[in-house]
């Protein structure tokens, strides 16, 4: 697939992968990722629950393993994701921390700054805000980022999304932001 994609400049062939499959899996799996893909993406290793099981320090090892593998294979990775509404992907310290909107905003911005800086140059693209809209096209509310407690923009439509995109662009000015709803766009 990677070889065929080379005939179409800019075409990325990727999959969501687990770092454990690369480091502890079979050689066949790692070789398939290495030779058939050109844009492997961490399935969960860049999500809050994996990257920040505690408020500090960051647990970089799993996502770093994918970034290192991708660099060695001549690939870049797709960053997934800075902000996602699903509480199941968020650590308990965040969801149960009782943070105010301004505190949560500071935590989110610090997260984006640190992750963006850490993976600057490794990610050709980022799913900045994942699944921000419901299947029917309405704005997804009732989540920690929008209004529970939110990051200070509840009731202002997509402003919380815009602010996260602005922050992500500052953290890594060379990435391409692609995800704002359920589907990717470029």
N, C-alpha and C. Protein backbone atom coordinates (compact mmCIF):
# COMPACT_ATOMS: atom_id res chain seq x y z
N UNK A 1 0.83 -1.19 0.00
CA UNK A 1 0.00 0.00 0.00
C UNK A 1 0.87 1.25 0.00
N UNK A 2 1.91 1.25 0.81
CA UNK A 2 2.79 2.42 0.89
C UNK A 2 3.44 2.70 -0.46
N UNK A 3 3.86 1.63 -1.13
CA UNK A 3 4.49 1.78 -2.44
C UNK A 3 3.50 2.35 -3.46
N UNK A 4 2.27 1.87 -3.46
CA UNK A 4 1.25 2.37 -4.38
C UNK A 4 0.91 3.82 -4.06
N UNK A 5 0.86 4.17 -2.78
CA UNK A 5 0.55 5.54 -2.37
C UNK A 5 1.61 6.52 -2.83
N UNK A 6 2.83 6.05 -3.01
CA UNK A 6 3.92 6.92 -3.45
C UNK A 6 3.63 7.54 -4.82
N UNK A 7 2.76 6.91 -5.58
CA UNK A 7 2.38 7.45 -6.89
C UNK A 7 1.43 8.63 -6.79
N UNK A 8 0.95 8.90 -5.59
CA UNK A 8 0.00 9.99 -5.35
C UNK A 8 0.55 10.88 -4.25
N UNK A 9 1.32 11.90 -4.61
CA UNK A 9 1.94 12.76 -3.58
C UNK A 9 0.92 13.26 -2.56
N UNK A 10 1.28 13.14 -1.31
CA UNK A 10 0.41 13.61 -0.25
C UNK A 10 -0.58 12.58 0.26
N UNK A 11 -0.75 11.46 -0.45
CA UNK A 11 -1.67 10.43 0.01
C UNK A 11 -1.05 9.69 1.20
N UNK A 12 -1.81 9.62 2.27
CA UNK A 12 -1.35 8.93 3.47
C UNK A 12 -2.14 7.64 3.64
N UNK A 13 -1.42 6.59 3.92
CA UNK A 13 -2.02 5.29 4.22
C UNK A 13 -1.65 4.98 5.65
N UNK A 14 -2.66 4.90 6.50
CA UNK A 14 -2.36 4.71 7.91
C UNK A 14 -3.33 3.81 8.61
N UNK A 15 -3.06 3.64 9.87
CA UNK A 15 -3.92 2.85 10.75
C UNK A 15 -3.64 3.28 12.17
N UNK A 16 -4.62 3.06 13.03
CA UNK A 16 -4.42 3.30 14.46
C UNK A 16 -3.71 2.07 15.03
N UNK A 17 -2.61 2.32 15.71
CA UNK A 17 -1.81 1.21 16.24
C UNK A 17 -1.56 1.38 17.72
N UNK A 18 -1.27 0.29 18.38
CA UNK A 18 -0.91 0.29 19.79
C UNK A 18 0.59 0.15 19.92
N UNK A 19 1.19 0.91 20.80
CA UNK A 19 2.64 0.79 20.97
C UNK A 19 3.02 -0.61 21.40
N UNK A 20 2.18 -1.25 22.21
CA UNK A 20 2.50 -2.61 22.67
C UNK A 20 2.56 -3.60 21.52
N UNK A 21 1.83 -3.33 20.44
CA UNK A 21 1.88 -4.21 19.27
C UNK A 21 3.20 -4.07 18.52
N UNK A 22 3.82 -2.90 18.63
CA UNK A 22 5.10 -2.69 17.96
C UNK A 22 6.26 -3.21 18.80
N UNK A 23 6.15 -2.99 20.10
CA UNK A 23 7.28 -3.34 20.97
C UNK A 23 7.18 -4.74 21.55
N UNK A 24 5.97 -5.23 21.78
CA UNK A 24 5.82 -6.54 22.37
C UNK A 24 5.08 -7.51 21.48
N UNK A 25 4.67 -7.04 20.33
CA UNK A 25 3.92 -7.89 19.41
C UNK A 25 4.85 -8.71 18.53
N UNK A 26 4.29 -9.23 17.48
CA UNK A 26 5.09 -10.04 16.58
C UNK A 26 5.85 -9.17 15.60
N UNK A 27 6.93 -9.70 15.10
CA UNK A 27 7.72 -8.98 14.10
C UNK A 27 6.88 -8.76 12.85
N UNK A 28 6.00 -9.69 12.53
CA UNK A 28 5.17 -9.55 11.33
C UNK A 28 4.29 -8.31 11.41
N UNK A 29 3.72 -8.03 12.59
CA UNK A 29 2.88 -6.85 12.75
C UNK A 29 3.71 -5.58 12.54
N UNK A 30 4.83 -5.50 13.22
CA UNK A 30 5.69 -4.32 13.10
C UNK A 30 6.16 -4.15 11.66
N UNK A 31 6.50 -5.23 10.98
CA UNK A 31 6.94 -5.13 9.60
C UNK A 31 5.82 -4.69 8.67
N UNK A 32 4.60 -5.13 8.94
CA UNK A 32 3.46 -4.68 8.13
C UNK A 32 3.28 -3.18 8.28
N UNK A 33 3.33 -2.69 9.51
CA UNK A 33 3.20 -1.25 9.75
C UNK A 33 4.35 -0.52 9.07
N UNK A 34 5.55 -1.03 9.18
CA UNK A 34 6.74 -0.38 8.63
C UNK A 34 6.69 -0.29 7.11
N UNK A 35 6.29 -1.37 6.46
CA UNK A 35 6.40 -1.43 5.00
C UNK A 35 5.12 -1.10 4.24
N UNK A 36 3.98 -1.19 4.90
CA UNK A 36 2.72 -0.96 4.20
C UNK A 36 2.09 0.40 4.48
N UNK A 37 2.45 1.04 5.58
CA UNK A 37 1.84 2.32 5.95
C UNK A 37 2.85 3.46 5.83
N UNK A 38 2.33 4.66 5.74
CA UNK A 38 3.22 5.83 5.80
C UNK A 38 2.72 6.86 6.80
N UNK A 39 1.71 6.49 7.59
CA UNK A 39 1.16 7.44 8.56
C UNK A 39 0.46 6.69 9.70
N UNK A 40 1.22 5.95 10.47
CA UNK A 40 0.63 5.24 11.60
C UNK A 40 0.25 6.25 12.69
N UNK A 41 -0.86 5.99 13.34
CA UNK A 41 -1.37 6.88 14.37
C UNK A 41 -1.55 6.12 15.67
N UNK A 42 -1.19 6.74 16.79
CA UNK A 42 -1.45 6.09 18.07
C UNK A 42 -2.96 5.92 18.29
N UNK A 43 -3.38 4.71 18.60
CA UNK A 43 -4.80 4.47 18.83
C UNK A 43 -5.26 5.17 20.11
N UNK A 44 -4.56 4.95 21.20
CA UNK A 44 -4.92 5.56 22.48
C UNK A 44 -3.74 6.23 23.19
N UNK A 45 -2.56 6.07 22.69
CA UNK A 45 -1.36 6.50 23.41
C UNK A 45 -1.19 8.01 23.54
N UNK A 46 -1.92 8.80 22.74
CA UNK A 46 -1.88 10.25 22.88
C UNK A 46 -3.15 10.80 23.55
N UNK A 47 -4.04 9.91 23.95
CA UNK A 47 -5.24 10.36 24.65
C UNK A 47 -4.88 10.63 26.11
N UNK A 48 -5.66 11.48 26.73
CA UNK A 48 -5.40 11.93 28.10
C UNK A 48 -5.18 10.78 29.08
N UNK A 49 -6.04 9.77 29.04
CA UNK A 49 -5.97 8.69 30.02
C UNK A 49 -4.66 7.93 29.98
N UNK A 50 -4.08 7.80 28.80
CA UNK A 50 -2.80 7.10 28.66
C UNK A 50 -1.63 8.04 28.89
N UNK A 51 -1.71 9.22 28.32
CA UNK A 51 -0.61 10.18 28.39
C UNK A 51 -0.50 10.84 29.76
N UNK A 52 -1.64 10.96 30.45
CA UNK A 52 -1.64 11.64 31.75
C UNK A 52 -2.48 10.88 32.78
N UNK A 53 -2.08 9.69 33.13
CA UNK A 53 -2.84 8.97 34.16
C UNK A 53 -2.83 9.70 35.50
N UNK A 54 -1.80 10.50 35.72
CA UNK A 54 -1.74 11.41 36.86
C UNK A 54 -1.53 12.81 36.29
N UNK A 55 -1.82 13.81 37.10
CA UNK A 55 -1.73 15.18 36.58
C UNK A 55 -0.31 15.50 36.12
N UNK A 56 0.66 15.01 36.83
CA UNK A 56 2.06 15.19 36.44
C UNK A 56 2.83 14.02 37.02
N UNK A 57 3.84 13.59 36.39
CA UNK A 57 4.34 13.98 35.09
C UNK A 57 3.60 13.27 33.95
N UNK A 58 3.88 13.69 32.73
CA UNK A 58 3.33 13.02 31.56
C UNK A 58 3.96 11.64 31.43
N UNK A 59 3.20 10.70 30.92
CA UNK A 59 3.70 9.34 30.66
C UNK A 59 3.95 9.22 29.16
N UNK A 60 5.10 9.66 28.73
CA UNK A 60 5.42 9.75 27.31
C UNK A 60 5.77 8.41 26.66
N UNK A 61 6.16 7.41 27.41
CA UNK A 61 6.81 6.21 26.87
C UNK A 61 6.04 5.53 25.74
N UNK A 62 4.75 5.30 25.90
CA UNK A 62 3.99 4.58 24.87
C UNK A 62 3.91 5.37 23.56
N UNK A 63 3.56 6.64 23.65
CA UNK A 63 3.48 7.46 22.43
C UNK A 63 4.87 7.69 21.84
N UNK A 64 5.87 7.83 22.69
CA UNK A 64 7.24 7.97 22.19
C UNK A 64 7.68 6.74 21.40
N UNK A 65 7.25 5.56 21.84
CA UNK A 65 7.61 4.33 21.12
C UNK A 65 7.06 4.36 19.70
N UNK A 66 5.84 4.87 19.54
CA UNK A 66 5.27 4.97 18.19
C UNK A 66 6.00 6.03 17.38
N UNK A 67 6.27 7.18 17.99
CA UNK A 67 6.99 8.24 17.28
C UNK A 67 8.37 7.76 16.85
N UNK A 68 9.07 7.07 17.72
CA UNK A 68 10.41 6.55 17.40
C UNK A 68 10.33 5.53 16.27
N UNK A 69 9.36 4.63 16.36
CA UNK A 69 9.15 3.63 15.32
C UNK A 69 8.88 4.31 13.98
N UNK A 70 7.98 5.30 14.00
CA UNK A 70 7.63 6.00 12.76
C UNK A 70 8.83 6.71 12.15
N UNK A 71 9.61 7.39 12.99
CA UNK A 71 10.81 8.06 12.46
C UNK A 71 11.75 7.07 11.80
N UNK A 72 11.99 5.93 12.46
CA UNK A 72 12.89 4.90 11.91
C UNK A 72 12.35 4.33 10.60
N UNK A 73 11.01 4.30 10.46
CA UNK A 73 10.38 3.77 9.26
C UNK A 73 10.18 4.85 8.19
N UNK A 74 10.63 6.07 8.48
CA UNK A 74 10.47 7.16 7.51
C UNK A 74 9.04 7.66 7.44
N UNK A 75 8.31 7.55 8.53
CA UNK A 75 6.91 7.97 8.58
C UNK A 75 6.75 9.11 9.56
N UNK A 76 5.63 9.80 9.41
CA UNK A 76 5.19 10.73 10.43
C UNK A 76 3.89 10.16 10.98
N UNK A 77 3.51 10.64 12.16
CA UNK A 77 2.28 10.10 12.72
C UNK A 77 1.18 11.15 12.73
N UNK A 78 -0.01 10.65 12.82
CA UNK A 78 -1.19 11.48 12.97
C UNK A 78 -1.42 11.62 14.47
N UNK A 79 -1.47 12.84 14.98
CA UNK A 79 -1.72 13.06 16.39
C UNK A 79 -3.19 12.92 16.71
N UNK A 80 -3.50 12.12 17.72
CA UNK A 80 -4.90 11.85 18.06
C UNK A 80 -5.03 11.69 19.57
N UNK A 81 -5.54 12.57 20.28
CA UNK A 81 -6.25 13.80 20.03
C UNK A 81 -6.01 14.73 21.21
N UNK A 82 -6.06 16.03 21.02
CA UNK A 82 -5.90 16.97 22.12
C UNK A 82 -7.16 17.05 22.99
N UNK A 83 -8.30 17.04 22.36
CA UNK A 83 -9.55 17.22 23.11
C UNK A 83 -10.60 16.25 22.59
N UNK A 84 -11.17 15.48 23.52
CA UNK A 84 -12.23 14.54 23.17
C UNK A 84 -13.24 14.55 24.29
N UNK A 85 -14.48 14.48 23.95
CA UNK A 85 -15.55 14.60 24.95
C UNK A 85 -15.71 13.36 25.83
N UNK A 86 -15.29 12.20 25.36
CA UNK A 86 -15.57 10.95 26.08
C UNK A 86 -14.86 10.89 27.42
N UNK A 87 -15.64 10.85 28.46
CA UNK A 87 -15.05 10.81 29.80
C UNK A 87 -14.30 9.52 30.05
N UNK A 88 -14.63 8.46 29.31
CA UNK A 88 -13.92 7.19 29.48
C UNK A 88 -12.47 7.27 29.04
N UNK A 89 -12.13 8.27 28.23
CA UNK A 89 -10.75 8.42 27.79
C UNK A 89 -9.99 9.43 28.66
N UNK A 90 -10.68 10.01 29.63
CA UNK A 90 -10.08 11.03 30.49
C UNK A 90 -9.73 10.43 31.85
N UNK A 91 -8.62 10.85 32.43
CA UNK A 91 -8.23 10.31 33.74
C UNK A 91 -9.12 10.83 34.86
N UNK A 92 -9.23 10.05 35.91
CA UNK A 92 -10.09 10.40 37.05
C UNK A 92 -9.66 11.70 37.72
N UNK A 93 -8.36 11.99 37.74
CA UNK A 93 -7.92 13.23 38.37
C UNK A 93 -8.50 14.44 37.64
N UNK A 94 -8.75 14.30 36.34
CA UNK A 94 -9.29 15.41 35.55
C UNK A 94 -10.81 15.49 35.70
N UNK A 95 -11.49 14.36 35.52
CA UNK A 95 -12.95 14.38 35.56
C UNK A 95 -13.48 14.58 36.97
N UNK A 96 -12.75 14.15 37.97
CA UNK A 96 -13.22 14.27 39.34
C UNK A 96 -12.50 15.33 40.15
N UNK A 97 -11.74 16.17 39.46
CA UNK A 97 -10.90 17.15 40.14
C UNK A 97 -11.61 18.38 40.67
N UNK A 98 -12.86 18.59 40.28
CA UNK A 98 -13.60 19.75 40.75
C UNK A 98 -13.02 21.08 40.29
N UNK A 99 -12.42 21.07 39.10
CA UNK A 99 -11.78 22.28 38.59
C UNK A 99 -12.80 23.32 38.13
N UNK A 100 -12.46 24.58 38.28
CA UNK A 100 -13.28 25.66 37.73
C UNK A 100 -13.00 25.73 36.23
N UNK A 101 -13.81 26.49 35.52
CA UNK A 101 -13.60 26.64 34.08
C UNK A 101 -12.23 27.23 33.79
N UNK A 102 -11.80 28.23 34.54
CA UNK A 102 -10.49 28.83 34.27
C UNK A 102 -9.36 27.87 34.61
N UNK A 103 -9.51 27.07 35.64
CA UNK A 103 -8.49 26.06 35.96
C UNK A 103 -8.43 25.00 34.88
N UNK A 104 -9.60 24.55 34.42
CA UNK A 104 -9.64 23.53 33.37
C UNK A 104 -9.04 24.07 32.07
N UNK A 105 -9.33 25.33 31.77
CA UNK A 105 -8.73 25.93 30.57
C UNK A 105 -7.21 25.94 30.68
N UNK A 106 -6.68 26.30 31.84
CA UNK A 106 -5.23 26.31 32.03
C UNK A 106 -4.65 24.90 31.89
N UNK A 107 -5.34 23.91 32.41
CA UNK A 107 -4.88 22.52 32.30
C UNK A 107 -4.88 22.08 30.84
N UNK A 108 -5.97 22.38 30.11
CA UNK A 108 -6.04 22.03 28.69
C UNK A 108 -4.94 22.72 27.89
N UNK A 109 -4.78 24.00 28.10
CA UNK A 109 -3.76 24.75 27.34
C UNK A 109 -2.36 24.24 27.65
N UNK A 110 -2.10 23.95 28.91
CA UNK A 110 -0.79 23.39 29.28
C UNK A 110 -0.59 22.04 28.60
N UNK A 111 -1.64 21.24 28.57
CA UNK A 111 -1.58 19.93 27.92
C UNK A 111 -1.24 20.10 26.43
N UNK A 112 -1.97 20.95 25.75
CA UNK A 112 -1.73 21.18 24.32
C UNK A 112 -0.31 21.71 24.10
N UNK A 113 0.12 22.66 24.93
CA UNK A 113 1.47 23.23 24.79
C UNK A 113 2.54 22.15 24.94
N UNK A 114 2.41 21.34 25.99
CA UNK A 114 3.45 20.35 26.26
C UNK A 114 3.46 19.21 25.23
N UNK A 115 2.28 18.72 24.89
CA UNK A 115 2.20 17.63 23.92
C UNK A 115 2.63 18.13 22.53
N UNK A 116 2.16 19.31 22.16
CA UNK A 116 2.54 19.88 20.86
C UNK A 116 4.03 20.08 20.75
N UNK A 117 4.65 20.59 21.81
CA UNK A 117 6.10 20.80 21.80
C UNK A 117 6.84 19.47 21.78
N UNK A 118 6.36 18.52 22.55
CA UNK A 118 7.04 17.22 22.65
C UNK A 118 7.03 16.49 21.30
N UNK A 119 5.93 16.59 20.56
CA UNK A 119 5.82 15.87 19.29
C UNK A 119 5.95 16.78 18.07
N UNK A 120 6.47 17.98 18.28
CA UNK A 120 6.69 18.90 17.16
C UNK A 120 7.59 18.21 16.13
N UNK A 121 7.14 18.19 14.90
CA UNK A 121 7.90 17.55 13.83
C UNK A 121 7.57 16.08 13.63
N UNK A 122 6.98 15.45 14.62
CA UNK A 122 6.60 14.03 14.48
C UNK A 122 5.22 13.87 13.87
N UNK A 123 4.33 14.81 14.13
CA UNK A 123 2.95 14.72 13.66
C UNK A 123 2.74 15.63 12.46
N UNK A 124 2.34 15.04 11.36
CA UNK A 124 2.07 15.86 10.17
C UNK A 124 0.68 16.47 10.27
N UNK A 125 -0.15 15.91 11.14
CA UNK A 125 -1.53 16.34 11.26
C UNK A 125 -2.01 16.01 12.67
N UNK A 126 -2.98 16.78 13.16
CA UNK A 126 -3.55 16.53 14.49
C UNK A 126 -5.06 16.53 14.43
N UNK A 127 -5.68 15.57 15.10
CA UNK A 127 -7.10 15.62 15.39
C UNK A 127 -7.19 16.49 16.64
N UNK A 128 -7.39 17.77 16.44
CA UNK A 128 -7.33 18.72 17.55
C UNK A 128 -8.51 18.53 18.49
N UNK A 129 -9.71 18.55 17.96
CA UNK A 129 -10.92 18.33 18.74
C UNK A 129 -11.67 17.19 18.06
N UNK A 130 -11.74 16.08 18.72
CA UNK A 130 -12.33 14.87 18.15
C UNK A 130 -13.82 14.77 18.50
N UNK A 131 -14.63 14.56 17.48
CA UNK A 131 -16.07 14.34 17.64
C UNK A 131 -16.76 15.45 18.43
N UNK A 132 -16.58 16.66 17.98
CA UNK A 132 -17.17 17.82 18.65
C UNK A 132 -18.66 17.98 18.35
N UNK A 133 -19.14 17.24 17.36
CA UNK A 133 -20.54 17.33 16.98
C UNK A 133 -21.23 15.98 17.09
N UNK A 134 -22.51 16.02 17.41
CA UNK A 134 -23.32 14.81 17.46
C UNK A 134 -23.57 14.29 16.05
N UNK A 135 -24.06 13.07 15.95
CA UNK A 135 -24.34 12.47 14.64
C UNK A 135 -25.33 13.29 13.82
N UNK A 136 -26.21 14.04 14.50
CA UNK A 136 -27.19 14.85 13.78
C UNK A 136 -26.66 16.24 13.41
N UNK A 137 -25.40 16.50 13.69
CA UNK A 137 -24.77 17.77 13.31
C UNK A 137 -24.83 18.85 14.37
N UNK A 138 -25.50 18.61 15.47
CA UNK A 138 -25.55 19.62 16.53
C UNK A 138 -24.28 19.58 17.37
N UNK A 139 -23.97 20.70 17.98
CA UNK A 139 -22.79 20.80 18.82
C UNK A 139 -22.92 19.87 20.02
N UNK A 140 -21.86 19.14 20.31
CA UNK A 140 -21.86 18.23 21.45
C UNK A 140 -21.63 19.06 22.72
N UNK A 141 -22.62 19.04 23.60
CA UNK A 141 -22.52 19.75 24.87
C UNK A 141 -22.57 18.72 26.00
N UNK A 142 -22.56 19.20 27.24
CA UNK A 142 -22.66 18.29 28.37
C UNK A 142 -21.39 17.50 28.60
N UNK A 143 -20.25 18.08 28.25
CA UNK A 143 -18.99 17.40 28.48
C UNK A 143 -18.02 18.33 29.19
N UNK A 144 -16.95 17.79 29.67
CA UNK A 144 -16.00 18.53 30.50
C UNK A 144 -15.44 19.76 29.78
N UNK A 145 -15.30 19.71 28.47
CA UNK A 145 -14.68 20.83 27.74
C UNK A 145 -15.67 21.94 27.42
N UNK A 146 -16.92 21.59 27.19
CA UNK A 146 -17.89 22.61 26.81
C UNK A 146 -18.55 23.26 28.02
N UNK A 147 -19.21 22.47 28.85
CA UNK A 147 -19.99 23.10 29.92
C UNK A 147 -20.05 22.31 31.22
N UNK A 148 -19.15 21.39 31.41
CA UNK A 148 -19.20 20.60 32.64
C UNK A 148 -17.81 20.41 33.25
N UNK A 149 -17.08 21.41 33.65
CA UNK A 149 -17.42 22.82 33.79
C UNK A 149 -17.11 23.66 32.55
N UNK A 150 -16.50 23.04 31.53
CA UNK A 150 -16.12 23.81 30.35
C UNK A 150 -14.83 24.56 30.56
N UNK A 151 -14.36 25.19 29.49
CA UNK A 151 -13.11 25.96 29.58
C UNK A 151 -13.39 27.46 29.48
N UNK A 152 -14.61 27.85 29.84
CA UNK A 152 -14.94 29.26 29.89
C UNK A 152 -15.76 29.78 28.74
N UNK A 153 -16.23 28.89 27.85
CA UNK A 153 -16.96 29.36 26.67
C UNK A 153 -18.32 28.69 26.50
N UNK A 154 -18.86 28.12 27.57
CA UNK A 154 -20.18 27.49 27.49
C UNK A 154 -21.20 28.52 27.01
N UNK A 155 -22.07 28.09 26.12
CA UNK A 155 -23.10 28.98 25.59
C UNK A 155 -22.61 29.84 24.44
N UNK A 156 -21.34 29.73 24.08
CA UNK A 156 -20.78 30.53 22.99
C UNK A 156 -20.51 29.69 21.75
N UNK A 157 -21.35 28.71 21.52
CA UNK A 157 -21.23 27.89 20.31
C UNK A 157 -19.91 27.14 20.25
N UNK A 158 -19.22 27.33 19.16
CA UNK A 158 -17.99 26.58 18.91
C UNK A 158 -16.73 27.28 19.45
N UNK A 159 -16.89 28.28 20.25
CA UNK A 159 -15.74 29.05 20.73
C UNK A 159 -14.70 28.18 21.44
N UNK A 160 -15.14 27.19 22.23
CA UNK A 160 -14.17 26.33 22.91
C UNK A 160 -13.35 25.52 21.90
N UNK A 161 -13.94 25.19 20.77
CA UNK A 161 -13.22 24.47 19.71
C UNK A 161 -12.20 25.41 19.07
N UNK A 162 -12.65 26.60 18.72
CA UNK A 162 -11.75 27.58 18.11
C UNK A 162 -10.54 27.86 18.98
N UNK A 163 -10.77 28.03 20.28
CA UNK A 163 -9.67 28.33 21.19
C UNK A 163 -8.68 27.19 21.27
N UNK A 164 -9.16 25.96 21.21
CA UNK A 164 -8.25 24.81 21.24
C UNK A 164 -7.45 24.74 19.95
N UNK A 165 -8.06 25.04 18.81
CA UNK A 165 -7.33 25.06 17.55
C UNK A 165 -6.25 26.15 17.56
N UNK A 166 -6.59 27.31 18.08
CA UNK A 166 -5.61 28.40 18.16
C UNK A 166 -4.43 27.98 19.02
N UNK A 167 -4.72 27.37 20.15
CA UNK A 167 -3.66 26.92 21.05
C UNK A 167 -2.79 25.86 20.38
N UNK A 168 -3.42 24.92 19.68
CA UNK A 168 -2.67 23.87 19.00
C UNK A 168 -1.77 24.43 17.91
N UNK A 169 -2.25 25.42 17.19
CA UNK A 169 -1.43 26.04 16.14
C UNK A 169 -0.23 26.78 16.73
N UNK A 170 -0.38 27.29 17.92
CA UNK A 170 0.73 27.96 18.59
C UNK A 170 1.74 26.93 19.09
N UNK A 171 1.24 25.80 19.60
CA UNK A 171 2.12 24.76 20.14
C UNK A 171 2.97 24.12 19.05
N UNK A 172 2.41 23.94 17.87
CA UNK A 172 3.15 23.36 16.74
C UNK A 172 2.66 24.00 15.46
N UNK A 173 3.30 25.08 15.03
CA UNK A 173 2.82 25.83 13.88
C UNK A 173 2.88 25.08 12.54
N UNK A 174 3.58 23.94 12.50
CA UNK A 174 3.74 23.22 11.24
C UNK A 174 2.74 22.10 10.99
N UNK A 175 1.91 21.78 11.98
CA UNK A 175 0.96 20.69 11.79
C UNK A 175 -0.25 21.19 11.01
N UNK A 176 -1.03 20.24 10.50
CA UNK A 176 -2.27 20.55 9.81
C UNK A 176 -3.42 20.08 10.69
N UNK A 177 -4.31 20.98 11.14
CA UNK A 177 -5.46 20.56 11.95
C UNK A 177 -6.53 19.97 11.05
N UNK A 178 -7.06 18.79 11.42
CA UNK A 178 -8.02 18.17 10.52
C UNK A 178 -9.33 17.72 11.12
N UNK A 179 -9.46 17.64 12.39
CA UNK A 179 -10.69 17.02 12.91
C UNK A 179 -11.46 18.01 13.77
N UNK A 180 -12.70 18.25 13.39
CA UNK A 180 -13.54 19.09 14.20
C UNK A 180 -14.89 18.44 14.49
N UNK A 181 -15.19 17.41 13.80
CA UNK A 181 -16.48 16.74 13.99
C UNK A 181 -16.30 15.25 14.01
N UNK A 182 -17.13 14.55 13.30
CA UNK A 182 -17.01 13.10 13.25
C UNK A 182 -16.14 12.68 12.08
N UNK A 183 -15.96 13.53 11.09
CA UNK A 183 -15.18 13.16 9.92
C UNK A 183 -13.98 14.08 9.79
N UNK A 184 -12.94 13.56 9.23
CA UNK A 184 -11.74 14.37 9.01
C UNK A 184 -11.91 15.20 7.75
N UNK A 185 -11.26 16.32 7.74
CA UNK A 185 -11.27 17.15 6.55
C UNK A 185 -9.87 17.71 6.37
N UNK A 186 -9.54 18.14 5.19
CA UNK A 186 -8.19 18.65 4.97
C UNK A 186 -8.24 19.80 4.01
